[in-house]
Every structure is written in C-alpha cells, then in structure tokens.
Amino acid sequence: MPNLEGLKVLATYLSVAEVLCITAVCRGQTEAPPTVRPEVDVMTLQPQSIMLTTEVPGHTPAFLQAEIRQQVSGTILRRRFKRMSLETTYA
C-alpha cells in the first residue's frame, strides 16, 4: 500500500505554494486606468430628392451557343421552307 501520508503532505505544500503565487500576482495590481472616450462627429442630414438612373446594355452575349445543323443524310434536292420565316406548313 503506498504511503498516503507523504501524498497528503505534498498536496498541502502545493496548496500553500499556489495561494502564495496568487497573492503575489494580485499584490501589485491597482484599479484599472480610466477609459478614454472616443471622439464622435455629429452630422445633421436634410432630406433632398435625387434622380436615380440605371444604364442597361443593349446587347448581352449569350452564355451558351447552339449550332443548328441539318440532320439529313444524302443530297438535299429542294427546300420546302424559307429561311427566317414563321411558316409551319409542310407538304
């Protein structure tokens, strides 16, 4: 069985040393120095009207571009539509 009396004495010495260290650290302290107030500027605002303008570009580039190509094998003999027309009648 270990010597418990030696451990009790060691714990007592460590407790006394801890208390002495804490009191030594706290002894030199005085009150905290007064805080310095920050300088503040005060402005008085008056209501006024302003004109809001927004510039919108006339053309924006496309994010993705699609290439439309014919999907016909062989030779095209004739077209039954006009380019850029809205006709949807087919023969």
C-alpha atoms as a PDB file:
ATOM      1  CA  MET A   1       0.000   0.000   0.000  1.00  0.00           C
ATOM      2  CA  PRO A   2       1.521   3.351  -0.954  1.00  0.00           C
ATOM      3  CA  ASN A   3       2.452   5.928   1.616  1.00  0.00           C
ATOM      4  CA  LEU A   4      -0.630   8.197   1.825  1.00  0.00           C
ATOM      5  CA  GLU A   5       0.881  10.442   4.478  1.00  0.00           C
ATOM      6  CA  GLY A   6       3.585  11.574   2.035  1.00  0.00           C
ATOM      7  CA  LEU A   7       0.955  12.408  -0.603  1.00  0.00           C
ATOM      8  CA  LYS A   8      -1.082  14.422   1.918  1.00  0.00           C
ATOM      9  CA  VAL A   9       1.992  16.447   2.894  1.00  0.00           C
ATOM     10  CA  LEU A  10       2.871  17.067  -0.770  1.00  0.00           C
ATOM     11  CA  ALA A  11      -0.701  18.192  -1.524  1.00  0.00           C
ATOM     12  CA  THR A  12      -0.590  20.585   1.445  1.00  0.00           C
ATOM     13  CA  TYR A  13       2.701  22.141   0.287  1.00  0.00           C
ATOM     14  CA  LEU A  14       1.365  22.566  -3.275  1.00  0.00           C
ATOM     15  CA  SER A  15      -1.811  24.235  -1.987  1.00  0.00           C
ATOM     16  CA  VAL A  16       0.207  26.690   0.143  1.00  0.00           C
ATOM     17  CA  ALA A  17       2.527  27.439  -2.810  1.00  0.00           C
ATOM     18  CA  GLU A  18      -0.478  28.086  -5.065  1.00  0.00           C
ATOM     19  CA  VAL A  19      -2.038  30.521  -2.600  1.00  0.00           C
ATOM     20  CA  LEU A  20       1.289  32.381  -2.215  1.00  0.00           C
ATOM     21  CA  CYS A  21       1.698  32.693  -6.000  1.00  0.00           C
ATOM     22  CA  ILE A  22      -1.814  34.057  -6.441  1.00  0.00           C
ATOM     23  CA  THR A  23      -1.394  36.651  -3.691  1.00  0.00           C
ATOM     24  CA  ALA A  24       1.990  37.715  -5.114  1.00  0.00           C
ATOM     25  CA  VAL A  25       0.477  38.307  -8.533  1.00  0.00           C
ATOM     26  CA  CYS A  26      -2.518  40.234  -7.203  1.00  0.00           C
ATOM     27  CA  ARG A  27      -0.478  42.384  -4.787  1.00  0.00           C
ATOM     28  CA  GLY A  28       0.887  44.819  -7.409  1.00  0.00           C
ATOM     29  CA  GLN A  29      -2.417  45.495  -9.114  1.00  0.00           C
ATOM     30  CA  THR A  30      -4.345  48.699  -8.566  1.00  0.00           C
ATOM     31  CA  GLU A  31      -7.563  49.974 -10.083  1.00  0.00           C
ATOM     32  CA  ALA A  32      -7.952  49.835 -13.830  1.00  0.00           C
ATOM     33  CA  PRO A  33      -6.963  53.036 -15.646  1.00  0.00           C
ATOM     34  CA  PRO A  34      -9.880  55.222 -16.699  1.00  0.00           C
ATOM     35  CA  THR A  35     -11.100  54.564 -20.208  1.00  0.00           C
ATOM     36  CA  VAL A  36     -10.677  57.244 -22.845  1.00  0.00           C
ATOM     37  CA  ARG A  37     -13.902  58.256 -24.544  1.00  0.00           C
ATOM     38  CA  PRO A  38     -13.735  58.069 -28.340  1.00  0.00           C
ATOM     39  CA  GLU A  39     -14.270  61.207 -30.391  1.00  0.00           C
ATOM     40  CA  VAL A  40     -17.559  61.285 -32.282  1.00  0.00           C
ATOM     41  CA  ASP A  41     -18.604  63.538 -35.167  1.00  0.00           C
ATOM     42  CA  VAL A  42     -22.243  64.581 -35.423  1.00  0.00           C
ATOM     43  CA  MET A  43     -23.902  65.431 -38.738  1.00  0.00           C
ATOM     44  CA  THR A  44     -27.392  66.783 -39.349  1.00  0.00           C
ATOM     45  CA  LEU A  45     -28.986  65.422 -42.527  1.00  0.00           C
ATOM     46  CA  GLN A  46     -31.545  67.235 -44.630  1.00  0.00           C
ATOM     47  CA  PRO A  47     -33.986  65.417 -46.948  1.00  0.00           C
ATOM     48  CA  GLN A  48     -33.425  66.040 -50.655  1.00  0.00           C
ATOM     49  CA  SER A  49     -34.528  64.430 -53.889  1.00  0.00           C
ATOM     50  CA  ILE A  50     -32.109  62.805 -56.296  1.00  0.00           C
ATOM     51  CA  MET A  51     -32.589  61.283 -59.738  1.00  0.00           C
ATOM     52  CA  LEU A  52     -31.806  57.579 -59.963  1.00  0.00           C
ATOM     53  CA  THR A  53     -30.513  56.393 -63.312  1.00  0.00           C
ATOM     54  CA  THR A  54     -29.808  52.883 -64.442  1.00  0.00           C
ATOM     55  CA  GLU A  55     -27.846  52.060 -67.562  1.00  0.00           C
ATOM     56  CA  VAL A  56     -28.905  48.845 -69.246  1.00  0.00           C
ATOM     57  CA  PRO A  57     -26.745  47.449 -72.041  1.00  0.00           C
ATOM     58  CA  GLY A  58     -28.474  46.969 -75.374  1.00  0.00           C
ATOM     59  CA  HIS A  59     -26.980  43.571 -76.089  1.00  0.00           C
ATOM     60  CA  THR A  60     -25.509  40.948 -73.832  1.00  0.00           C
ATOM     61  CA  PRO A  61     -23.525  37.977 -75.087  1.00  0.00           C
ATOM     62  CA  ALA A  62     -25.077  34.526 -74.841  1.00  0.00           C
ATOM     63  CA  PHE A  63     -23.889  32.178 -72.138  1.00  0.00           C
ATOM     64  CA  LEU A  64     -24.220  29.124 -74.386  1.00  0.00           C
ATOM     65  CA  GLN A  65     -24.478  28.983 -78.152  1.00  0.00           C
ATOM     66  CA  ALA A  66     -26.196  26.251 -80.098  1.00  0.00           C
ATOM     67  CA  GLU A  67     -25.156  25.307 -83.596  1.00  0.00           C
ATOM     68  CA  ILE A  68     -28.102  24.131 -85.656  1.00  0.00           C
ATOM     69  CA  ARG A  69     -27.079  21.852 -88.489  1.00  0.00           C
ATOM     70  CA  GLN A  70     -29.048  19.789 -90.882  1.00  0.00           C
ATOM     71  CA  GLN A  71     -29.645  16.201 -89.860  1.00  0.00           C
ATOM     72  CA  VAL A  72     -30.196  14.738 -93.319  1.00  0.00           C
ATOM     73  CA  SER A  73     -28.083  12.114 -94.954  1.00  0.00           C
ATOM     74  CA  GLY A  74     -27.748  12.268 -98.682  1.00  0.00           C
ATOM     75  CA  THR A  75     -28.309  15.176-101.051  1.00  0.00           C
ATOM     76  CA  ILE A  76     -30.953  17.869-100.491  1.00  0.00           C
ATOM     77  CA  LEU A  77     -32.921  18.336-103.713  1.00  0.00           C
ATOM     78  CA  ARG A  78     -35.218  21.132-102.618  1.00  0.00           C
ATOM     79  CA  ARG A  79     -36.193  23.117 -99.501  1.00  0.00           C
ATOM     80  CA  ARG A  80     -39.832  23.463 -98.599  1.00  0.00           C
ATOM     81  CA  PHE A  81     -39.359  26.443 -96.283  1.00  0.00           C
ATOM     82  CA  LYS A  82     -37.913  29.923 -96.371  1.00  0.00           C
ATOM     83  CA  ARG A  83     -35.175  30.965 -94.032  1.00  0.00           C
ATOM     84  CA  MET A  84     -36.241  33.068 -91.054  1.00  0.00           C
ATOM     85  CA  SER A  85     -39.947  32.604 -91.810  1.00  0.00           C
ATOM     86  CA  LEU A  86     -42.666  31.657 -89.369  1.00  0.00           C
ATOM     87  CA  GLU A  87     -44.477  29.312 -91.758  1.00  0.00           C
ATOM     88  CA  THR A  88     -45.218  25.916 -90.324  1.00  0.00           C
ATOM     89  CA  THR A  89     -46.966  24.299 -93.300  1.00  0.00           C
ATOM     90  CA  TYR A  90     -45.216  21.376 -94.807  1.00  0.00           C
ATOM     91  CA  ALA A  91     -46.124  19.432 -97.952  1.00  0.00           C
END
